[in-house]
Amino acid sequence: MIYPKRKNIKEETRHRLVIVGSKNPVKISCADKAFHAAFDTAFIVEGVNASSEIEDQPFGDEQTYLGANNRAKNAKKIFPEADFWVGIEGGIEEKEGEMSAFAWVVVLDRDDRMGKAKTAVFFLPSVISDLVRGGLELGAANDRFFQEENSKQGDGAVGLLTNGAINRKEYYKQAVILALIPFLNEPLYP
C-alpha cells in the first residue's frame, strides 16, 4: 500500500491571544466562538476584570457603548501583550414608556484599529422593567422575577424571555462577529 507523503507537523502557527474585558464566562465563551467562526486561525481567549468606568446598569446607547469601549481599552492596559481586546456591555434604554435591552461590542487590535457592533434590541416586559426602574440591575431583576440565580452568567434576559431559543452566548456572538468586520476586510477599513 502506498501512503501519501506526510506533512511536517512542525508547521505550527502561534495561537493568537484575545483578552475579554470581563470574567463573565458567557462573554468569554461568545468571544471564543466568534473569533473561531470568523477566522481560520487558532485563538486563546481569556478574560480579565476590566472596569467599564460606568454604572453597574448602563442606561442609554451612549453610556452602554462607552462601557464596552472602556472595557476593551482597560483590558488592553491590563494585558498589553495580546493580539485583540474585547469589551462587551449590556444596557437598557427607555423608549415611549417601554424598556429595551441590548449590548455593545468593541474590539481593538494591536494597531489600535477598532471594530464595533450592537446586538439586536428587544423589549422587556413591564414586570422586569419596573424592577429595573426600582433600582435593580437587569440581571438581578431577572433573577428575582424568574426565580433564577446569577442568570447574567447564563442565558440572561434574552434566553429567559425566548425560552432558550436565543441564549446570551449566541446573542453576543453575532455582535462580536459583526465587530470583527474591519479585521476581516482590512483593505476596506484602513
N, C-alpha and C. Protein backbone atom coordinates (compact mmCIF):
# COMPACT_ATOMS: atom_id res chain seq x y z
N MET A 1 0.84 -1.17 0.00
CA MET A 1 0.00 0.00 0.00
C MET A 1 0.90 1.25 0.00
N ILE A 2 0.49 2.25 -0.75
CA ILE A 2 1.26 3.48 -0.83
C ILE A 2 0.55 4.54 0.01
N TYR A 3 1.31 5.12 0.91
CA TYR A 3 0.77 6.16 1.79
C TYR A 3 1.13 7.54 1.24
N PRO A 4 0.23 8.51 1.40
CA PRO A 4 0.58 9.86 0.94
C PRO A 4 1.71 10.42 1.81
N LYS A 5 2.47 11.32 1.20
CA LYS A 5 3.57 11.94 1.92
C LYS A 5 3.01 12.75 3.09
N ARG A 6 3.64 12.57 4.23
CA ARG A 6 3.20 13.25 5.44
C ARG A 6 3.65 14.71 5.46
N LYS A 7 2.76 15.58 5.90
CA LYS A 7 3.13 16.99 6.06
C LYS A 7 3.94 17.15 7.33
N ASN A 8 4.76 18.13 7.34
CA ASN A 8 5.57 18.41 8.51
C ASN A 8 4.68 18.91 9.64
N ILE A 9 4.63 18.18 10.71
CA ILE A 9 3.80 18.54 11.84
C ILE A 9 4.32 19.82 12.50
N LYS A 10 5.58 20.15 12.27
CA LYS A 10 6.18 21.34 12.88
C LYS A 10 5.65 22.64 12.27
N GLU A 11 4.84 22.56 11.23
CA GLU A 11 4.29 23.77 10.61
C GLU A 11 3.23 24.38 11.51
N GLU A 12 3.67 24.80 12.68
CA GLU A 12 2.74 25.37 13.65
C GLU A 12 2.65 26.88 13.47
N THR A 13 1.49 27.38 13.75
CA THR A 13 1.35 28.83 13.82
C THR A 13 1.02 29.18 15.26
N ARG A 14 1.45 30.32 15.66
CA ARG A 14 1.24 30.77 17.03
C ARG A 14 -0.25 31.04 17.25
N HIS A 15 -0.75 30.58 18.37
CA HIS A 15 -2.12 30.91 18.75
C HIS A 15 -2.17 32.41 19.02
N ARG A 16 -3.17 33.07 18.52
CA ARG A 16 -3.35 34.49 18.78
C ARG A 16 -4.15 34.63 20.06
N LEU A 17 -3.83 35.65 20.82
CA LEU A 17 -4.43 35.83 22.13
C LEU A 17 -5.49 36.93 22.10
N VAL A 18 -6.67 36.60 22.61
CA VAL A 18 -7.79 37.54 22.73
C VAL A 18 -8.09 37.71 24.22
N ILE A 19 -8.13 38.95 24.65
CA ILE A 19 -8.45 39.24 26.04
C ILE A 19 -9.81 39.93 26.09
N VAL A 20 -10.74 39.35 26.83
CA VAL A 20 -12.08 39.91 27.03
C VAL A 20 -12.06 40.70 28.32
N GLY A 21 -12.60 41.89 28.30
CA GLY A 21 -12.61 42.75 29.48
C GLY A 21 -13.67 42.39 30.49
N SER A 22 -13.75 41.11 30.82
CA SER A 22 -14.72 40.61 31.80
C SER A 22 -14.34 39.18 32.16
N LYS A 23 -14.69 38.78 33.37
CA LYS A 23 -14.50 37.39 33.79
C LYS A 23 -15.81 36.60 33.63
N ASN A 24 -16.86 37.25 33.09
CA ASN A 24 -18.14 36.57 32.89
C ASN A 24 -17.95 35.46 31.86
N PRO A 25 -18.23 34.20 32.24
CA PRO A 25 -17.99 33.09 31.32
C PRO A 25 -18.79 33.17 30.02
N VAL A 26 -19.95 33.81 30.05
CA VAL A 26 -20.76 33.96 28.83
C VAL A 26 -20.01 34.86 27.84
N LYS A 27 -19.47 35.96 28.32
CA LYS A 27 -18.76 36.89 27.44
C LYS A 27 -17.48 36.27 26.88
N ILE A 28 -16.78 35.52 27.70
CA ILE A 28 -15.55 34.86 27.24
C ILE A 28 -15.89 33.80 26.19
N SER A 29 -16.90 33.00 26.47
CA SER A 29 -17.30 31.93 25.55
C SER A 29 -17.80 32.47 24.21
N CYS A 30 -18.61 33.54 24.25
CA CYS A 30 -19.13 34.06 22.98
C CYS A 30 -18.00 34.67 22.16
N ALA A 31 -17.03 35.31 22.80
CA ALA A 31 -15.88 35.85 22.06
C ALA A 31 -15.07 34.71 21.45
N ASP A 32 -14.86 33.65 22.21
CA ASP A 32 -14.13 32.49 21.72
C ASP A 32 -14.81 31.90 20.48
N LYS A 33 -16.11 31.69 20.57
CA LYS A 33 -16.85 31.13 19.44
C LYS A 33 -16.84 32.07 18.24
N ALA A 34 -16.95 33.36 18.48
CA ALA A 34 -16.98 34.34 17.39
C ALA A 34 -15.65 34.41 16.66
N PHE A 35 -14.55 34.49 17.39
CA PHE A 35 -13.23 34.57 16.74
C PHE A 35 -12.94 33.31 15.94
N HIS A 36 -13.28 32.15 16.50
CA HIS A 36 -13.04 30.90 15.78
C HIS A 36 -13.96 30.74 14.57
N ALA A 37 -15.15 31.31 14.64
CA ALA A 37 -16.06 31.25 13.49
C ALA A 37 -15.63 32.21 12.39
N ALA A 38 -15.08 33.35 12.76
CA ALA A 38 -14.74 34.39 11.79
C ALA A 38 -13.39 34.18 11.11
N PHE A 39 -12.44 33.63 11.83
CA PHE A 39 -11.08 33.49 11.30
C PHE A 39 -10.69 32.02 11.16
N ASP A 40 -9.79 31.78 10.24
CA ASP A 40 -9.26 30.44 10.03
C ASP A 40 -7.89 30.33 10.71
N THR A 41 -7.88 30.58 12.00
CA THR A 41 -6.65 30.51 12.79
C THR A 41 -7.01 30.13 14.21
N ALA A 42 -6.00 29.83 15.00
CA ALA A 42 -6.24 29.40 16.37
C ALA A 42 -6.14 30.58 17.33
N PHE A 43 -7.02 30.62 18.31
CA PHE A 43 -7.05 31.67 19.31
C PHE A 43 -7.11 31.07 20.70
N ILE A 44 -6.49 31.77 21.62
CA ILE A 44 -6.68 31.52 23.04
C ILE A 44 -7.45 32.73 23.55
N VAL A 45 -8.58 32.49 24.20
CA VAL A 45 -9.43 33.58 24.67
C VAL A 45 -9.52 33.51 26.18
N GLU A 46 -9.14 34.61 26.83
CA GLU A 46 -9.15 34.70 28.29
C GLU A 46 -9.87 35.97 28.72
N GLY A 47 -10.33 35.99 29.95
CA GLY A 47 -10.99 37.16 30.49
C GLY A 47 -10.20 37.79 31.62
N VAL A 48 -10.30 39.11 31.74
CA VAL A 48 -9.71 39.85 32.85
C VAL A 48 -10.76 40.78 33.42
N ASN A 49 -10.62 41.14 34.67
CA ASN A 49 -11.53 42.10 35.28
C ASN A 49 -11.13 43.50 34.84
N ALA A 50 -11.81 44.01 33.83
CA ALA A 50 -11.54 45.35 33.31
C ALA A 50 -12.73 46.24 33.61
N SER A 51 -12.47 47.39 34.15
CA SER A 51 -13.54 48.31 34.54
C SER A 51 -14.23 48.91 33.32
N SER A 52 -15.55 49.05 33.43
CA SER A 52 -16.31 49.74 32.40
C SER A 52 -16.33 51.25 32.66
N GLU A 53 -15.98 51.63 33.88
CA GLU A 53 -15.95 53.03 34.31
C GLU A 53 -17.32 53.72 34.20
N ILE A 54 -18.37 52.94 34.22
CA ILE A 54 -19.74 53.48 34.19
C ILE A 54 -20.55 52.78 35.28
N GLU A 55 -21.82 53.13 35.38
CA GLU A 55 -22.71 52.50 36.37
C GLU A 55 -22.82 50.99 36.11
N ASP A 56 -23.15 50.24 37.17
CA ASP A 56 -23.33 48.80 37.02
C ASP A 56 -24.43 48.47 36.01
N GLN A 57 -25.48 49.28 35.98
CA GLN A 57 -26.54 49.10 35.00
C GLN A 57 -26.51 50.28 34.04
N PRO A 58 -25.84 50.11 32.88
CA PRO A 58 -25.76 51.20 31.92
C PRO A 58 -27.15 51.55 31.39
N PHE A 59 -27.38 52.85 31.24
CA PHE A 59 -28.65 53.33 30.72
C PHE A 59 -28.39 54.16 29.48
N GLY A 60 -28.98 53.76 28.39
CA GLY A 60 -28.85 54.50 27.14
C GLY A 60 -27.74 53.98 26.26
N ASP A 61 -27.88 54.30 25.00
CA ASP A 61 -26.96 53.84 23.98
C ASP A 61 -25.54 54.35 24.20
N GLU A 62 -25.40 55.63 24.48
CA GLU A 62 -24.07 56.23 24.63
C GLU A 62 -23.32 55.65 25.82
N GLN A 63 -24.01 55.54 26.96
CA GLN A 63 -23.34 55.02 28.16
C GLN A 63 -22.96 53.55 27.97
N THR A 64 -23.81 52.78 27.33
CA THR A 64 -23.53 51.37 27.12
C THR A 64 -22.34 51.20 26.17
N TYR A 65 -22.32 51.98 25.09
CA TYR A 65 -21.18 51.95 24.17
C TYR A 65 -19.89 52.34 24.90
N LEU A 66 -19.96 53.39 25.71
CA LEU A 66 -18.80 53.85 26.47
C LEU A 66 -18.28 52.73 27.37
N GLY A 67 -19.18 52.00 28.01
CA GLY A 67 -18.79 50.88 28.87
C GLY A 67 -18.04 49.80 28.10
N ALA A 68 -18.53 49.44 26.92
CA ALA A 68 -17.86 48.43 26.10
C ALA A 68 -16.49 48.94 25.65
N ASN A 69 -16.43 50.19 25.23
CA ASN A 69 -15.17 50.77 24.78
C ASN A 69 -14.16 50.82 25.93
N ASN A 70 -14.60 51.24 27.10
CA ASN A 70 -13.72 51.30 28.26
C ASN A 70 -13.22 49.91 28.66
N ARG A 71 -14.10 48.92 28.59
CA ARG A 71 -13.67 47.56 28.94
C ARG A 71 -12.57 47.07 27.99
N ALA A 72 -12.74 47.34 26.68
CA ALA A 72 -11.71 46.92 25.72
C ALA A 72 -10.40 47.66 25.99
N LYS A 73 -10.46 48.97 26.17
CA LYS A 73 -9.24 49.76 26.42
C LYS A 73 -8.57 49.36 27.73
N ASN A 74 -9.35 49.14 28.77
CA ASN A 74 -8.77 48.75 30.05
C ASN A 74 -8.20 47.34 30.02
N ALA A 75 -8.82 46.45 29.25
CA ALA A 75 -8.26 45.11 29.08
C ALA A 75 -6.90 45.20 28.39
N LYS A 76 -6.78 46.12 27.44
CA LYS A 76 -5.50 46.31 26.74
C LYS A 76 -4.44 46.85 27.70
N LYS A 77 -4.83 47.72 28.62
CA LYS A 77 -3.88 48.23 29.62
C LYS A 77 -3.43 47.12 30.57
N ILE A 78 -4.38 46.26 30.94
CA ILE A 78 -4.07 45.18 31.88
C ILE A 78 -3.18 44.13 31.23
N PHE A 79 -3.46 43.79 29.97
CA PHE A 79 -2.73 42.71 29.29
C PHE A 79 -2.32 43.17 27.89
N PRO A 80 -1.30 44.05 27.80
CA PRO A 80 -0.92 44.64 26.51
C PRO A 80 -0.27 43.68 25.52
N GLU A 81 0.07 42.49 25.94
CA GLU A 81 0.75 41.53 25.06
C GLU A 81 -0.20 40.79 24.12
N ALA A 82 -1.49 40.96 24.28
CA ALA A 82 -2.46 40.22 23.46
C ALA A 82 -2.50 40.74 22.02
N ASP A 83 -3.29 40.08 21.20
CA ASP A 83 -3.49 40.48 19.81
C ASP A 83 -4.78 41.26 19.62
N PHE A 84 -5.80 40.91 20.41
CA PHE A 84 -7.11 41.58 20.35
C PHE A 84 -7.63 41.75 21.77
N TRP A 85 -8.44 42.80 21.94
CA TRP A 85 -9.11 43.05 23.22
C TRP A 85 -10.58 43.31 22.93
N VAL A 86 -11.45 42.72 23.75
CA VAL A 86 -12.89 42.78 23.51
C VAL A 86 -13.60 43.36 24.73
N GLY A 87 -14.47 44.33 24.47
CA GLY A 87 -15.34 44.86 25.51
C GLY A 87 -16.79 44.59 25.13
N ILE A 88 -17.54 44.02 26.05
CA ILE A 88 -18.96 43.73 25.82
C ILE A 88 -19.73 44.33 26.99
N GLU A 89 -20.72 45.14 26.68
CA GLU A 89 -21.50 45.80 27.73
C GLU A 89 -22.98 45.76 27.37
N GLY A 90 -23.78 45.19 28.26
CA GLY A 90 -25.22 45.17 28.07
C GLY A 90 -25.84 46.39 28.71
N GLY A 91 -26.88 46.91 28.08
CA GLY A 91 -27.53 48.10 28.60
C GLY A 91 -29.02 48.08 28.37
N ILE A 92 -29.67 49.11 28.90
CA ILE A 92 -31.11 49.27 28.74
C ILE A 92 -31.40 50.69 28.29
N GLU A 93 -32.60 50.88 27.75
CA GLU A 93 -32.99 52.21 27.30
C GLU A 93 -34.50 52.32 27.33
N GLU A 94 -35.00 53.48 27.66
CA GLU A 94 -36.44 53.74 27.66
C GLU A 94 -36.83 54.34 26.32
N LYS A 95 -37.92 53.85 25.77
CA LYS A 95 -38.44 54.38 24.51
C LYS A 95 -39.95 54.31 24.57
N GLU A 96 -40.57 55.48 24.54
CA GLU A 96 -42.03 55.60 24.55
C GLU A 96 -42.66 54.79 25.68
N GLY A 97 -42.06 54.88 26.86
CA GLY A 97 -42.62 54.22 28.04
C GLY A 97 -42.28 52.75 28.18
N GLU A 98 -41.52 52.22 27.24
CA GLU A 98 -41.11 50.81 27.32
C GLU A 98 -39.60 50.76 27.48
N MET A 99 -39.11 49.67 28.07
CA MET A 99 -37.69 49.50 28.28
C MET A 99 -37.15 48.42 27.35
N SER A 100 -36.07 48.75 26.66
CA SER A 100 -35.44 47.77 25.77
C SER A 100 -34.08 47.39 26.32
N ALA A 101 -33.59 46.25 25.88
CA ALA A 101 -32.28 45.73 26.28
C ALA A 101 -31.46 45.45 25.03
N PHE A 102 -30.14 45.62 25.15
CA PHE A 102 -29.22 45.43 24.03
C PHE A 102 -27.81 45.38 24.60
N ALA A 103 -26.83 45.20 23.74
CA ALA A 103 -25.43 45.25 24.16
C ALA A 103 -24.58 45.85 23.05
N TRP A 104 -23.49 46.46 23.45
CA TRP A 104 -22.47 46.96 22.52
C TRP A 104 -21.23 46.10 22.66
N VAL A 105 -20.53 45.91 21.53
CA VAL A 105 -19.26 45.18 21.50
C VAL A 105 -18.23 46.07 20.84
N VAL A 106 -17.06 46.17 21.45
CA VAL A 106 -15.92 46.89 20.87
C VAL A 106 -14.73 45.94 20.85
N VAL A 107 -14.06 45.86 19.70
CA VAL A 107 -12.86 45.04 19.55
C VAL A 107 -11.72 45.96 19.12
N LEU A 108 -10.58 45.84 19.80
CA LEU A 108 -9.38 46.58 19.46
C LEU A 108 -8.29 45.60 19.05
N ASP A 109 -7.37 46.05 18.19
CA ASP A 109 -6.22 45.21 17.86
C ASP A 109 -4.94 45.94 18.22
N ARG A 110 -3.81 45.31 17.96
CA ARG A 110 -2.50 45.87 18.33
C ARG A 110 -2.21 47.20 17.64
N ASP A 111 -2.80 47.41 16.47
CA ASP A 111 -2.56 48.64 15.71
C ASP A 111 -3.58 49.73 16.05
N ASP A 112 -4.29 49.55 17.15
CA ASP A 112 -5.32 50.50 17.60
C ASP A 112 -6.47 50.66 16.62
N ARG A 113 -6.67 49.66 15.78
CA ARG A 113 -7.88 49.67 14.95
C ARG A 113 -9.03 49.20 15.82
N MET A 114 -10.23 49.66 15.46
CA MET A 114 -11.40 49.33 16.25
C MET A 114 -12.51 48.77 15.38
N GLY A 115 -13.17 47.76 15.91
CA GLY A 115 -14.40 47.25 15.33
C GLY A 115 -15.48 47.40 16.38
N LYS A 116 -16.69 47.70 15.96
CA LYS A 116 -17.77 47.86 16.92
C LYS A 116 -19.07 47.40 16.30
N ALA A 117 -19.95 46.92 17.16
CA ALA A 117 -21.26 46.44 16.71
C ALA A 117 -22.22 46.43 17.89
N LYS A 118 -23.48 46.44 17.57
CA LYS A 118 -24.53 46.41 18.57
C LYS A 118 -25.41 45.19 18.31
N THR A 119 -25.87 44.59 19.38
CA THR A 119 -26.77 43.45 19.25
C THR A 119 -28.14 43.92 18.77
N ALA A 120 -28.98 42.97 18.49
CA ALA A 120 -30.39 43.27 18.26
C ALA A 120 -30.98 43.83 19.55
N VAL A 121 -32.06 44.57 19.44
CA VAL A 121 -32.74 45.18 20.58
C VAL A 121 -34.04 44.42 20.83
N PHE A 122 -34.34 44.17 22.09
CA PHE A 122 -35.63 43.55 22.43
C PHE A 122 -36.23 44.28 23.61
N PHE A 123 -37.55 44.24 23.71
CA PHE A 123 -38.24 44.97 24.76
C PHE A 123 -38.56 44.05 25.93
N LEU A 124 -38.42 44.60 27.11
CA LEU A 124 -38.63 43.85 28.34
C LEU A 124 -40.09 43.95 28.78
N PRO A 125 -40.61 42.91 29.43
CA PRO A 125 -41.97 43.01 29.97
C PRO A 125 -41.99 44.03 31.11
N SER A 126 -43.14 44.63 31.34
CA SER A 126 -43.24 45.69 32.35
C SER A 126 -42.85 45.20 33.74
N VAL A 127 -43.10 43.94 34.07
CA VAL A 127 -42.74 43.44 35.41
C VAL A 127 -41.23 43.50 35.63
N ILE A 128 -40.45 43.23 34.60
CA ILE A 128 -38.99 43.32 34.68
C ILE A 128 -38.57 44.79 34.66
N SER A 129 -39.14 45.56 33.74
CA SER A 129 -38.81 46.99 33.64
C SER A 129 -39.06 47.71 34.95
N ASP A 130 -40.16 47.39 35.62
CA ASP A 130 -40.49 48.04 36.89
C ASP A 130 -39.44 47.73 37.96
N LEU A 131 -38.94 46.50 37.97
CA LEU A 131 -37.89 46.13 38.93
C LEU A 131 -36.60 46.91 38.64
N VAL A 132 -36.27 47.07 37.35
CA VAL A 132 -35.08 47.84 36.97
C VAL A 132 -35.27 49.31 37.34
N ARG A 133 -36.44 49.84 37.05
CA ARG A 133 -36.72 51.23 37.43
C ARG A 133 -36.64 51.42 38.95
N GLY A 134 -36.91 50.36 39.67
CA GLY A 134 -36.83 50.40 41.13
C GLY A 134 -35.41 50.29 41.67
N GLY A 135 -34.43 50.17 40.79
CA GLY A 135 -33.04 50.19 41.23
C GLY A 135 -32.26 48.90 41.04
N LEU A 136 -32.89 47.85 40.55
CA LEU A 136 -32.16 46.60 40.34
C LEU A 136 -31.47 46.60 38.97
N GLU A 137 -30.32 45.92 38.91
CA GLU A 137 -29.70 45.64 37.62
C GLU A 137 -30.62 44.67 36.88
N LEU A 138 -30.53 44.66 35.54
CA LEU A 138 -31.38 43.77 34.76
C LEU A 138 -31.19 42.32 35.18
N GLY A 139 -29.95 41.88 35.40
CA GLY A 139 -29.70 40.50 35.82
C GLY A 139 -30.38 40.16 37.14
N ALA A 140 -30.30 41.08 38.10
CA ALA A 140 -30.94 40.87 39.40
C ALA A 140 -32.46 40.88 39.27
N ALA A 141 -32.98 41.73 38.40
CA ALA A 141 -34.42 41.77 38.17
C ALA A 141 -34.90 40.44 37.56
N ASN A 142 -34.14 39.92 36.61
CA ASN A 142 -34.48 38.62 36.01
C ASN A 142 -34.45 37.52 37.07
N ASP A 143 -33.39 37.53 37.88
CA ASP A 143 -33.26 36.51 38.93
C ASP A 143 -34.46 36.55 39.87
N ARG A 144 -34.85 37.74 40.25
CA ARG A 144 -35.97 37.87 41.19
C ARG A 144 -37.28 37.39 40.55
N PHE A 145 -37.56 37.87 39.35
CA PHE A 145 -38.83 37.52 38.72
C PHE A 145 -38.90 36.05 38.31
N PHE A 146 -37.84 35.55 37.68
CA PHE A 146 -37.84 34.17 37.17
C PHE A 146 -37.37 33.16 38.21
N GLN A 147 -37.03 33.63 39.40
CA GLN A 147 -36.52 32.78 40.47
C GLN A 147 -35.30 31.99 40.00
N GLU A 148 -34.38 32.73 39.42
CA GLU A 148 -33.12 32.16 38.93
C GLU A 148 -32.00 32.62 39.86
N GLU A 149 -30.81 32.12 39.60
CA GLU A 149 -29.64 32.57 40.35
C GLU A 149 -28.54 32.87 39.36
N ASN A 150 -28.07 34.12 39.37
CA ASN A 150 -26.96 34.58 38.53
C ASN A 150 -27.24 34.34 37.04
N SER A 151 -28.42 34.71 36.58
CA SER A 151 -28.81 34.48 35.18
C SER A 151 -27.93 35.23 34.19
N LYS A 152 -27.28 36.31 34.63
CA LYS A 152 -26.44 37.06 33.69
C LYS A 152 -25.17 36.30 33.33
N GLN A 153 -24.86 35.27 34.08
CA GLN A 153 -23.75 34.40 33.68
C GLN A 153 -24.29 33.12 33.04
N GLY A 154 -25.56 33.17 32.68
CA GLY A 154 -26.21 32.07 31.99
C GLY A 154 -26.88 32.59 30.73
N ASP A 155 -28.15 32.26 30.56
CA ASP A 155 -28.87 32.66 29.35
C ASP A 155 -29.33 34.10 29.35
N GLY A 156 -29.31 34.77 30.51
CA GLY A 156 -29.68 36.18 30.59
C GLY A 156 -31.14 36.41 30.23
N ALA A 157 -31.49 37.69 30.14
CA ALA A 157 -32.87 38.07 29.83
C ALA A 157 -33.31 37.50 28.49
N VAL A 158 -32.44 37.57 27.50
CA VAL A 158 -32.82 37.11 26.16
C VAL A 158 -33.14 35.61 26.18
N GLY A 159 -32.38 34.83 26.91
CA GLY A 159 -32.64 33.39 26.99
C GLY A 159 -33.90 33.07 27.77
N LEU A 160 -34.08 33.78 28.89
CA LEU A 160 -35.27 33.56 29.70
C LEU A 160 -36.54 33.95 28.95
N LEU A 161 -36.49 35.07 28.23
CA LEU A 161 -37.70 35.56 27.55
C LEU A 161 -38.00 34.83 26.23
N THR A 162 -36.99 34.18 25.64
CA THR A 162 -37.24 33.41 24.40
C THR A 162 -37.34 31.92 24.69
N ASN A 163 -37.43 31.56 25.97
CA ASN A 163 -37.47 30.14 26.37
C ASN A 163 -36.28 29.37 25.82
N GLY A 164 -35.13 30.04 25.78
CA GLY A 164 -33.90 29.38 25.35
C GLY A 164 -33.70 29.33 23.85
N ALA A 165 -34.62 29.86 23.06
CA ALA A 165 -34.45 29.84 21.60
C ALA A 165 -33.24 30.66 21.18
N ILE A 166 -32.97 31.74 21.91
CA ILE A 166 -31.76 32.53 21.72
C ILE A 166 -31.12 32.66 23.09
N ASN A 167 -29.94 32.08 23.25
CA ASN A 167 -29.27 32.24 24.54
C ASN A 167 -28.31 33.41 24.47
N ARG A 168 -27.82 33.83 25.60
CA ARG A 168 -26.98 35.02 25.67
C ARG A 168 -25.68 34.85 24.89
N LYS A 169 -25.11 33.64 24.87
CA LYS A 169 -23.87 33.41 24.12
C LYS A 169 -24.09 33.66 22.63
N GLU A 170 -25.17 33.11 22.08
CA GLU A 170 -25.45 33.30 20.65
C GLU A 170 -25.80 34.75 20.35
N TYR A 171 -26.53 35.37 21.24
CA TYR A 171 -26.93 36.77 21.10
C TYR A 171 -25.69 37.67 21.00
N TYR A 172 -24.73 37.47 21.90
CA TYR A 172 -23.50 38.26 21.87
C TYR A 172 -22.56 37.84 20.74
N LYS A 173 -22.54 36.56 20.44
CA LYS A 173 -21.60 36.05 19.41
C LYS A 173 -21.80 36.76 18.08
N GLN A 174 -23.04 36.95 17.67
CA GLN A 174 -23.30 37.63 16.39
C GLN A 174 -22.71 39.03 16.39
N ALA A 175 -22.89 39.76 17.49
CA ALA A 175 -22.36 41.13 17.56
C ALA A 175 -20.84 41.13 17.57
N VAL A 176 -20.22 40.15 18.21
CA VAL A 176 -18.75 40.08 18.19
C VAL A 176 -18.26 39.84 16.76
N ILE A 177 -18.91 38.93 16.04
CA ILE A 177 -18.53 38.69 14.64
C ILE A 177 -18.70 39.96 13.82
N LEU A 178 -19.79 40.68 14.03
CA LEU A 178 -20.00 41.94 13.29
C LEU A 178 -18.93 42.96 13.64
N ALA A 179 -18.48 42.99 14.89
CA ALA A 179 -17.41 43.90 15.28
C ALA A 179 -16.08 43.51 14.67
N LEU A 180 -15.96 42.28 14.20
CA LEU A 180 -14.71 41.82 13.57
C LEU A 180 -14.64 42.16 12.08
N ILE A 181 -15.70 42.71 11.51
CA ILE A 181 -15.71 43.02 10.08
C ILE A 181 -14.49 43.83 9.64
N PRO A 182 -14.09 44.89 10.35
CA PRO A 182 -12.90 45.64 9.89
C PRO A 182 -11.63 44.81 9.85
N PHE A 183 -11.53 43.79 10.70
CA PHE A 183 -10.34 42.96 10.75
C PHE A 183 -10.39 41.85 9.70
N LEU A 184 -11.59 41.52 9.27
CA LEU A 184 -11.76 40.52 8.21
C LEU A 184 -11.63 41.15 6.82
N ASN A 185 -11.76 42.46 6.76
CA ASN A 185 -11.72 43.20 5.50
C ASN A 185 -10.79 44.41 5.61
N GLU A 186 -9.55 44.13 6.01
CA GLU A 186 -8.61 45.21 6.31
C GLU A 186 -8.45 46.23 5.18
N PRO A 187 -8.40 45.83 3.90
CA PRO A 187 -8.25 46.85 2.85
C PRO A 187 -9.42 47.84 2.78
N LEU A 188 -10.59 47.42 3.22
CA LEU A 188 -11.76 48.29 3.18
C LEU A 188 -11.84 49.22 4.38
N TYR A 189 -11.06 48.90 5.42
CA TYR A 189 -11.07 49.68 6.67
C TYR A 189 -9.65 50.11 7.03
N PRO A 190 -9.07 51.04 6.27
CA PRO A 190 -7.67 51.42 6.53
C PRO A 190 -7.50 52.15 7.86
